[in-house]
Amino acid sequence: MNLLIHPTQELFGSTAVPGDKSISHRAAMFAALAEGRSHVRNFLPGGDCQATLGVLRGLGVAIEEISPSELSITGVGLHGLHEPAAPLDCVNSGTAMRLLAGLLAGQPFFSVLSGSSQLVKRPMGRVVEPLRQMGALIHGRQGGRLAPLAVQGTRLHGIDYTLPVASAQVKSALLLAGLYSDGLAIVRQPGPARDHTERMLAAMGAPIQTLGLVAISERPKQPLTPLDIAVPGDISSAAFLLAAGLLVPQSHLTITGVGVNPTRTGILDILQMMGANLRLENERDEAGEPVADLVVQHADLHGIEISGDLIVRAIDELPVLAVLATQAHGRTLVRDAAELRVKETDRIATVAAELHKLGAQVEERPDGFVIDGPVTLRSAPVWSHGDHRLAMALAVAGMVASGPVLVEEAACVSDSFPGFERVLQVLGVEMEDG
């Protein structure tokens, strides 16, 4: 699928976004470990989360899809997973592979985690190494730094580990391994990272503690309680609509039911720093996660510096922030974001390359980029590189370009935002299948 995006004069209306990708992964995985039936609503039916469901079925978990976004999962308990008959295909999902490495390390069987040609290039050493320190037997290419990962489950022992960089995926893998270890799994973070794992496992009765930037897990003495959860809307998906509402003149959008977990709201803080006309309404709590409606209107933005903890809290939103920077007054500097180079694509290189095609002034740096604005973006074909977040960011750029922008190979948007193009059309974007 190619998308031809035409310049847009106004966006108006109210919409929801698909369920949070990170929470959807965890809801399915943790429900499999409960004893009893879990009910998960607003599950993200995108490619990455479908991969997690496929892996869980391969481990013997019964999953009924009541609808694409509503699941009934019959948990097998902490010790009820079965040895898979074939390699477990994580497709493009780094989250699935890293969390499953921690979960499978303590099982009494052998398994192999594999995935697409894109996924097997992504770094796994940062999760494999601390798991090995817990006694895990994990082998992979380049000494375990790359998948496929062969995991021979074994008895694990505790660990007191300081993360070199804040990483929710590595932290989650170690906390999951801690559920099967003979001692405490203590994870010390250098800064804030997503805490969905801690919140959800604690709600299920797991012995999880958080003390500031320290998270601790241990072997449970009681079964985990099944989930009954409505997954909040994904703030990373909402970011593309927020950006569109800020950039397109005469816009007024409401995005309902979005998760505003403080470890994920770096995007909101950044937008406020840039001068956004943005507010939160109807703030509430659902299944331990804070939720709100986001209201955004067109605003003139100015460039800022984005670094440090803000990067960790907004890492997935940086591609669309680059588009905002092209229209902001002054210079926007992004640094401390080397993590972007090992996402679905090298997002520093691909964002710079594609925005250059539209006439943007982007200076690529090892750990980020510099963008001077505002510039008039021109009509040109651009390429998603198979990266869902880049595809959606380029669609937003097309709304404020001087002429139509063709986003090639845009089907990947379904990885995190199924129905993205339909939502845009309802809100007022003129677009067509290119």
Protein backbone atom coordinates (compact mmCIF):
# COMPACT_ATOMS: atom_id res chain seq x y z
CA MET A 1 0.00 0.00 0.00
CA ASN A 2 1.18 3.47 -0.94
CA LEU A 3 -0.50 6.57 0.50
CA LEU A 4 -0.83 9.83 -1.43
CA ILE A 5 -1.30 12.62 1.11
CA HIS A 6 -2.60 15.99 -0.09
CA PRO A 7 -2.04 19.33 1.68
CA THR A 8 -4.69 19.73 4.39
CA GLN A 9 -6.42 22.94 5.45
CA GLU A 10 -8.30 21.82 8.56
CA LEU A 11 -8.64 18.85 10.92
CA PHE A 12 -11.63 18.54 13.20
CA GLY A 13 -13.30 15.89 15.33
CA SER A 14 -12.93 13.35 18.10
CA THR A 15 -11.36 9.91 17.75
CA ALA A 16 -9.75 7.12 19.70
CA VAL A 17 -6.46 5.42 18.91
CA PRO A 18 -5.67 1.69 19.08
CA GLY A 19 -4.63 0.09 22.36
CA ASP A 20 -1.16 0.72 23.70
CA LYS A 21 1.34 -1.57 22.04
CA SER A 22 3.56 -2.06 25.09
CA ILE A 23 0.62 -2.80 27.38
CA SER A 24 -1.01 -5.12 24.81
CA HIS A 25 2.16 -7.25 24.61
CA ARG A 26 2.31 -7.53 28.38
CA ALA A 27 -1.41 -8.16 28.88
CA ALA A 28 -1.31 -11.19 26.60
CA MET A 29 1.97 -12.53 27.98
CA PHE A 30 1.10 -12.08 31.66
CA ALA A 31 -2.45 -13.40 31.20
CA ALA A 32 -0.85 -16.62 29.92
CA LEU A 33 0.95 -16.95 33.28
CA ALA A 34 -2.19 -16.49 35.39
CA GLU A 35 -4.35 -19.35 36.58
CA GLY A 36 -7.77 -18.86 35.02
CA ARG A 37 -9.32 -16.92 32.19
CA SER A 38 -8.34 -13.29 31.47
CA HIS A 39 -10.42 -10.81 29.49
CA VAL A 40 -8.45 -8.22 27.49
CA ARG A 41 -10.31 -5.42 25.65
CA ASN A 42 -8.92 -2.79 23.26
CA PHE A 43 -5.98 -5.10 22.50
CA LEU A 44 -3.83 -3.76 19.67
CA PRO A 45 -4.43 -6.12 16.71
CA GLY A 46 -1.27 -4.97 14.92
CA GLY A 47 1.43 -7.20 13.50
CA ASP A 48 3.80 -7.04 16.49
CA CYS A 49 1.15 -7.95 19.05
CA GLN A 50 -0.22 -10.68 16.79
CA ALA A 51 3.30 -12.12 16.83
CA THR A 52 3.13 -12.34 20.62
CA LEU A 53 -0.18 -14.21 20.39
CA GLY A 54 1.36 -16.63 17.90
CA VAL A 55 4.29 -17.31 20.22
CA LEU A 56 1.99 -17.89 23.20
CA ARG A 57 -0.07 -20.38 21.19
CA GLY A 58 3.17 -22.14 20.30
CA LEU A 59 3.80 -22.47 24.06
CA GLY A 60 0.44 -24.12 24.59
CA VAL A 61 -1.73 -21.18 25.61
CA ALA A 62 -5.39 -21.13 24.47
CA ILE A 63 -6.40 -17.72 23.11
CA GLU A 64 -9.90 -16.92 21.85
CA GLU A 65 -10.19 -13.82 19.67
CA ILE A 66 -13.72 -12.59 20.42
CA SER A 67 -12.91 -9.78 17.99
CA PRO A 68 -9.58 -8.48 16.67
CA SER A 69 -9.31 -6.22 19.73
CA GLU A 70 -10.97 -8.42 22.39
CA LEU A 71 -9.35 -11.57 23.74
CA SER A 72 -10.15 -14.34 26.16
CA ILE A 73 -6.92 -15.98 27.33
CA THR A 74 -6.89 -19.16 29.39
CA GLY A 75 -3.81 -18.90 31.57
CA VAL A 76 -1.71 -22.00 32.22
CA GLY A 77 -0.02 -20.70 35.36
CA LEU A 78 3.60 -19.86 35.96
CA HIS A 79 4.69 -23.45 35.35
CA GLY A 80 2.24 -24.59 32.69
CA LEU A 81 3.91 -23.53 29.45
CA HIS A 82 4.84 -26.35 27.04
CA GLU A 83 7.99 -26.88 25.03
CA PRO A 84 7.33 -25.56 21.51
CA ALA A 85 7.57 -27.94 18.57
CA ALA A 86 9.11 -25.28 16.31
CA PRO A 87 11.03 -22.00 16.61
CA LEU A 88 8.92 -19.19 18.07
CA ASP A 89 8.47 -16.49 15.41
CA CYS A 90 8.52 -12.98 16.94
CA VAL A 91 8.24 -11.51 13.40
CA ASN A 92 9.33 -7.85 13.81
CA SER A 93 8.78 -7.47 17.55
CA GLY A 94 11.83 -6.65 19.63
CA THR A 95 9.58 -6.29 22.70
CA ALA A 96 8.29 -9.85 22.30
CA MET A 97 11.76 -11.33 21.83
CA ARG A 98 13.40 -9.54 24.75
CA LEU A 99 10.60 -10.16 27.25
CA LEU A 100 10.24 -13.78 26.17
CA ALA A 101 13.97 -14.34 26.64
CA GLY A 102 13.48 -13.52 30.32
CA LEU A 103 10.31 -15.59 30.62
CA LEU A 104 11.70 -18.68 28.88
CA ALA A 105 15.08 -18.65 30.65
CA GLY A 106 13.53 -20.24 33.74
CA GLN A 107 11.30 -22.82 32.01
CA PRO A 108 12.11 -26.56 32.13
CA PHE A 109 12.42 -26.91 28.37
CA PHE A 110 14.26 -25.81 25.23
CA SER A 111 13.01 -23.08 22.89
CA VAL A 112 14.24 -20.93 20.02
CA LEU A 113 13.28 -17.28 19.50
CA SER A 114 13.53 -16.11 15.91
CA GLY A 115 11.97 -13.48 13.66
CA SER A 116 12.17 -11.50 10.46
CA SER A 117 15.34 -10.47 8.68
CA GLN A 118 14.79 -7.04 10.24
CA LEU A 119 14.46 -8.36 13.80
CA VAL A 120 17.51 -10.64 13.72
CA LYS A 121 19.67 -7.57 13.08
CA ARG A 122 18.54 -5.85 16.29
CA PRO A 123 20.78 -6.06 19.38
CA MET A 124 19.93 -8.73 21.96
CA GLY A 125 23.18 -8.76 23.94
CA ARG A 126 21.96 -6.20 26.44
CA VAL A 127 19.25 -8.61 27.61
CA VAL A 128 21.17 -11.87 27.11
CA GLU A 129 24.18 -10.82 29.20
CA PRO A 130 22.34 -10.07 32.49
CA LEU A 131 20.16 -13.15 32.03
CA ARG A 132 23.34 -15.22 31.73
CA GLN A 133 24.47 -13.65 35.00
CA MET A 134 21.31 -15.18 36.51
CA GLY A 135 22.41 -18.58 35.21
CA ALA A 136 20.44 -18.59 31.95
CA LEU A 137 21.68 -20.76 29.11
CA ILE A 138 21.15 -18.66 25.99
CA HIS A 139 23.03 -18.94 22.71
CA GLY A 140 22.77 -16.82 19.60
CA ARG A 141 24.69 -15.36 16.73
CA GLN A 142 27.75 -13.30 17.58
CA GLY A 143 27.90 -14.75 21.08
CA GLY A 144 24.25 -14.07 21.82
CA ARG A 145 24.25 -10.48 20.62
CA LEU A 146 21.92 -11.31 17.72
CA ALA A 147 18.95 -13.64 17.19
CA PRO A 148 17.94 -16.37 16.66
CA LEU A 149 18.29 -17.10 20.38
CA ALA A 150 18.37 -20.70 21.59
CA VAL A 151 17.17 -20.85 25.20
CA GLN A 152 17.72 -23.96 27.32
CA GLY A 153 15.59 -23.31 30.37
CA THR A 154 17.30 -23.88 33.69
CA ARG A 155 17.22 -23.00 37.38
CA LEU A 156 17.97 -19.31 37.85
CA HIS A 157 19.43 -17.40 40.77
CA GLY A 158 18.95 -13.80 41.85
CA ILE A 159 20.76 -10.76 40.53
CA ASP A 160 21.49 -7.19 41.57
CA TYR A 161 21.94 -5.48 38.22
CA THR A 162 22.41 -1.85 37.23
CA LEU A 163 21.18 -1.09 33.73
CA PRO A 164 23.80 0.75 31.63
CA VAL A 165 20.94 2.74 30.06
CA ALA A 166 17.28 2.91 31.04
CA SER A 167 15.43 0.14 29.17
CA ALA A 168 11.93 -1.09 29.95
CA GLN A 169 12.48 -4.20 27.83
CA VAL A 170 15.64 -5.33 29.61
CA LYS A 171 14.16 -4.46 33.00
CA SER A 172 11.00 -6.43 32.18
CA ALA A 173 12.99 -9.48 31.02
CA LEU A 174 14.92 -9.56 34.30
CA LEU A 175 11.77 -9.08 36.41
CA LEU A 176 10.11 -11.95 34.55
CA ALA A 177 13.17 -14.14 35.08
CA GLY A 178 12.95 -13.18 38.76
CA LEU A 179 9.59 -14.94 38.98
CA TYR A 180 11.55 -18.19 38.41
CA SER A 181 14.73 -17.45 40.36
CA ASP A 182 15.99 -18.69 43.74
CA GLY A 183 16.67 -15.14 44.90
CA LEU A 184 15.65 -11.57 44.30
CA ALA A 185 15.97 -9.96 40.89
CA ILE A 186 16.96 -6.38 41.69
CA VAL A 187 17.11 -3.99 38.72
CA ARG A 188 18.59 -0.52 39.22
CA GLN A 189 17.79 2.06 36.57
CA PRO A 190 19.90 5.14 35.71
CA GLY A 191 16.71 7.02 34.84
CA PRO A 192 12.97 6.47 34.36
CA ALA A 193 11.77 3.79 31.94
CA ARG A 194 8.31 2.44 31.20
CA ASP A 195 6.83 0.72 34.24
CA HIS A 196 3.92 -1.17 32.65
CA THR A 197 5.42 -4.52 33.71
CA GLU A 198 5.63 -3.54 37.37
CA ARG A 199 2.12 -2.08 37.43
CA MET A 200 0.45 -5.03 35.72
CA LEU A 201 2.27 -7.84 37.54
CA ALA A 202 1.65 -6.15 40.89
CA ALA A 203 -2.07 -5.87 40.03
CA MET A 204 -2.05 -9.63 39.37
CA GLY A 205 -0.58 -10.34 42.80
CA ALA A 206 3.05 -10.91 41.82
CA PRO A 207 5.68 -9.97 44.46
CA ILE A 208 6.91 -6.87 42.64
CA GLN A 209 8.32 -3.87 44.49
CA THR A 210 9.39 -0.47 43.21
CA LEU A 211 11.58 1.83 45.28
CA GLY A 212 12.31 4.93 43.25
CA LEU A 213 14.41 3.78 40.30
CA VAL A 214 14.82 0.26 41.72
CA ALA A 215 12.48 -2.59 40.70
CA ILE A 216 12.50 -5.97 42.47
CA SER A 217 10.82 -9.30 41.70
CA GLU A 218 10.93 -12.76 43.27
CA ARG A 219 9.35 -16.18 42.97
CA PRO A 220 5.61 -15.90 43.80
CA LYS A 221 4.13 -18.01 46.58
CA GLN A 222 0.61 -17.72 45.13
CA PRO A 223 -0.78 -18.07 41.58
CA LEU A 224 -1.17 -14.91 39.52
CA THR A 225 -4.71 -13.52 39.33
CA PRO A 226 -6.29 -13.33 35.84
CA LEU A 227 -6.64 -9.93 34.18
CA ASP A 228 -9.76 -8.00 33.32
CA ILE A 229 -8.35 -5.01 31.47
CA ALA A 230 -9.21 -2.40 28.89
CA VAL A 231 -5.90 -1.43 27.32
CA PRO A 232 -5.49 2.38 27.23
CA GLY A 233 -5.02 4.10 23.89
CA ASP A 234 -1.39 4.23 22.76
CA ILE A 235 0.18 7.64 23.34
CA SER A 236 2.78 6.82 20.69
CA SER A 237 -0.03 6.49 18.13
CA ALA A 238 -1.80 9.57 19.48
CA ALA A 239 1.43 11.53 18.90
CA PHE A 240 0.89 11.52 15.12
CA LEU A 241 -2.59 13.01 15.51
CA LEU A 242 -1.31 15.55 18.04
CA ALA A 243 1.38 16.61 15.58
CA ALA A 244 -1.14 16.89 12.75
CA GLY A 245 -3.47 18.98 14.92
CA LEU A 246 -0.65 21.34 15.85
CA LEU A 247 0.62 21.80 12.29
CA VAL A 248 -2.56 21.96 10.18
CA PRO A 249 -4.24 25.41 10.35
CA GLN A 250 -7.69 25.74 11.95
CA SER A 251 -7.48 22.32 13.59
CA HIS A 252 -9.22 21.18 16.77
CA LEU A 253 -8.91 17.50 17.71
CA THR A 254 -9.86 15.41 20.73
CA ILE A 255 -8.19 12.02 21.19
CA THR A 256 -10.06 10.00 23.78
CA GLY A 257 -8.89 7.42 26.31
CA VAL A 258 -5.13 7.80 25.88
CA GLY A 259 -2.71 6.27 28.39
CA VAL A 260 -0.75 9.02 30.16
CA ASN A 261 1.58 6.92 32.28
CA PRO A 262 4.26 9.40 33.46
CA THR A 263 7.01 7.17 32.05
CA ARG A 264 5.47 7.69 28.59
CA THR A 265 4.45 11.37 28.56
CA GLY A 266 7.74 12.85 27.42
CA ILE A 267 5.95 13.71 24.16
CA LEU A 268 3.44 15.88 26.04
CA ASP A 269 6.21 17.67 27.95
CA ILE A 270 8.15 18.29 24.74
CA LEU A 271 5.12 19.64 22.90
CA GLN A 272 4.36 22.02 25.78
CA MET A 273 7.99 23.21 25.69
CA MET A 274 7.59 23.90 21.95
CA GLY A 275 4.51 26.05 22.58
CA ALA A 276 1.73 23.56 21.83
CA ASN A 277 -1.92 24.37 22.41
CA LEU A 278 -2.63 21.14 24.26
CA ARG A 279 -4.56 20.10 27.35
CA LEU A 280 -5.65 16.96 29.23
CA GLU A 281 -9.31 16.41 30.12
CA ASN A 282 -11.30 13.70 31.91
CA GLU A 283 -8.24 12.30 33.70
CA ARG A 284 -8.92 8.92 35.30
CA ASP A 285 -7.37 5.57 36.20
CA GLU A 286 -7.98 2.24 34.44
CA ALA A 287 -6.42 -1.03 35.61
CA GLY A 288 -3.60 0.80 37.37
CA GLU A 289 -2.79 2.99 34.36
CA PRO A 290 -3.61 6.73 34.19
CA VAL A 291 -5.79 7.71 31.21
CA ALA A 292 -7.00 11.05 29.80
CA ASP A 293 -8.56 12.70 26.76
CA LEU A 294 -6.09 14.89 24.83
CA VAL A 295 -7.34 18.11 23.20
CA VAL A 296 -5.08 19.84 20.67
CA GLN A 297 -5.40 22.91 18.45
CA HIS A 298 -3.17 24.52 15.84
CA ALA A 299 -0.24 26.47 17.30
CA ASP A 300 2.96 28.17 16.21
CA LEU A 301 5.88 26.15 17.57
CA HIS A 302 9.48 27.01 18.38
CA GLY A 303 12.59 24.85 18.37
CA ILE A 304 14.02 23.37 21.60
CA GLU A 305 16.73 20.99 22.79
CA ILE A 306 15.56 17.47 23.62
CA SER A 307 17.93 15.26 25.63
CA GLY A 308 18.42 13.18 28.77
CA ASP A 309 15.40 11.61 30.47
CA LEU A 310 13.04 13.24 27.98
CA ILE A 311 14.52 11.03 25.25
CA VAL A 312 13.77 7.84 27.19
CA ARG A 313 10.18 9.01 27.77
CA ALA A 314 9.63 9.91 24.11
CA ILE A 315 11.91 7.60 22.12
CA ASP A 316 9.16 6.27 19.84
CA GLU A 317 7.81 9.74 19.09
CA LEU A 318 11.06 11.25 17.82
CA PRO A 319 10.34 10.59 14.10
CA VAL A 320 7.19 12.72 14.20
CA LEU A 321 8.91 15.28 16.43
CA ALA A 322 11.41 15.67 13.58
CA VAL A 323 8.49 16.61 11.31
CA LEU A 324 7.27 19.15 13.89
CA ALA A 325 10.79 20.59 14.04
CA THR A 326 10.75 21.33 10.30
CA GLN A 327 7.82 23.70 10.93
CA ALA A 328 9.00 25.17 14.25
CA HIS A 329 10.73 28.54 14.43
CA GLY A 330 14.42 28.20 15.17
CA ARG A 331 16.65 25.21 15.82
CA THR A 332 15.62 21.86 17.31
CA LEU A 333 18.43 19.72 18.69
CA VAL A 334 17.91 16.05 19.60
CA ARG A 335 20.77 14.31 21.41
CA ASP A 336 21.27 11.27 23.69
CA ALA A 337 19.09 9.32 21.24
CA ALA A 338 21.55 6.75 19.84
CA GLU A 339 18.89 4.13 20.67
CA LEU A 340 17.10 5.31 17.51
CA ARG A 341 19.76 3.61 15.42
CA VAL A 342 18.69 0.12 16.56
CA LYS A 343 14.92 0.42 16.19
CA GLU A 344 12.96 -1.12 13.29
CA THR A 345 15.30 0.94 11.12
CA ASP A 346 18.17 3.30 11.87
CA ARG A 347 15.65 6.05 12.59
CA ILE A 348 18.26 8.80 12.67
CA ALA A 349 19.46 7.94 9.15
CA THR A 350 16.04 7.18 7.65
CA VAL A 351 14.29 10.23 9.12
CA ALA A 352 17.08 12.48 7.86
CA ALA A 353 17.11 10.87 4.39
CA GLU A 354 13.35 11.07 3.84
CA LEU A 355 12.88 14.58 5.22
CA HIS A 356 15.77 15.74 2.98
CA LYS A 357 13.70 14.57 0.01
CA LEU A 358 10.98 16.98 1.12
CA GLY A 359 13.43 19.87 1.39
CA ALA A 360 14.00 19.87 5.15
CA GLN A 361 17.31 20.97 6.65
CA VAL A 362 18.38 18.00 8.78
CA GLU A 363 21.89 17.48 10.13
CA GLU A 364 22.39 13.86 11.17
CA ARG A 365 24.50 13.28 14.29
CA PRO A 366 25.67 10.03 15.95
CA ASP A 367 23.11 10.31 18.75
CA GLY A 368 20.43 12.49 17.18
CA PHE A 369 19.88 15.30 14.72
CA VAL A 370 19.61 19.06 14.27
CA ILE A 371 16.74 20.62 12.33
CA ASP A 372 16.33 24.30 11.44
CA GLY A 373 12.88 25.64 10.64
CA PRO A 374 10.48 26.57 9.48
CA VAL A 375 10.86 25.32 5.92
CA THR A 376 8.32 24.82 3.16
CA LEU A 377 8.18 21.09 2.50
CA ARG A 378 7.89 20.19 -1.15
CA SER A 379 5.97 17.52 -3.02
CA ALA A 380 8.01 14.34 -3.47
CA PRO A 381 7.82 10.56 -3.12
CA VAL A 382 9.23 9.24 0.17
CA TRP A 383 9.81 5.71 1.47
CA SER A 384 8.75 4.18 4.79
CA HIS A 385 11.69 1.71 4.87
CA GLY A 386 9.13 -0.71 6.31
CA ASP A 387 9.05 1.30 9.57
CA HIS A 388 5.54 2.05 10.84
CA ARG A 389 6.49 5.16 12.81
CA LEU A 390 8.44 6.65 9.92
CA ALA A 391 5.52 5.99 7.55
CA MET A 392 3.07 7.83 9.81
CA ALA A 393 5.50 10.70 10.41
CA LEU A 394 5.89 11.18 6.66
CA ALA A 395 2.10 11.16 6.27
CA VAL A 396 1.94 14.07 8.75
CA ALA A 397 4.62 15.87 6.73
CA GLY A 398 2.46 15.44 3.63
CA MET A 399 -0.40 17.33 5.28
CA VAL A 400 1.67 20.54 5.46
CA ALA A 401 3.73 20.18 2.26
CA SER A 402 3.25 22.48 -0.72
CA GLY A 403 1.93 19.60 -2.82
CA PRO A 404 1.04 15.91 -2.60
CA VAL A 405 3.47 13.55 -0.86
CA LEU A 406 3.53 9.88 -1.82
CA VAL A 407 4.45 7.59 1.10
CA GLU A 408 5.64 4.33 -0.44
CA GLU A 409 5.19 0.96 1.30
CA ALA A 410 2.89 2.36 3.97
CA ALA A 411 1.12 -0.90 4.88
CA CYS A 412 3.53 -1.19 7.81
CA VAL A 413 1.42 1.40 9.71
CA SER A 414 -0.76 -1.54 10.78
CA ASP A 415 2.08 -2.73 13.05
CA SER A 416 0.96 -0.18 15.65
CA PHE A 417 -1.99 1.79 14.20
CA PRO A 418 -4.41 -0.39 12.23
CA GLY A 419 -6.87 1.86 10.44
CA PHE A 420 -4.53 4.88 10.50
CA GLU A 421 -5.53 6.01 7.01
CA ARG A 422 -9.27 5.74 7.78
CA VAL A 423 -8.88 7.84 10.94
CA LEU A 424 -7.06 10.54 8.95
CA GLN A 425 -9.81 10.64 6.34
CA VAL A 426 -12.55 10.98 8.97
CA LEU A 427 -10.69 13.89 10.57
CA GLY A 428 -10.39 15.71 7.24
CA VAL A 429 -7.19 14.60 5.50
CA GLU A 430 -7.51 14.32 1.72
CA MET A 431 -5.66 11.17 0.76
CA GLU A 432 -5.84 8.15 -1.49
CA ASP A 433 -4.15 4.86 -2.16
CA GLY A 434 -1.18 5.79 -4.32
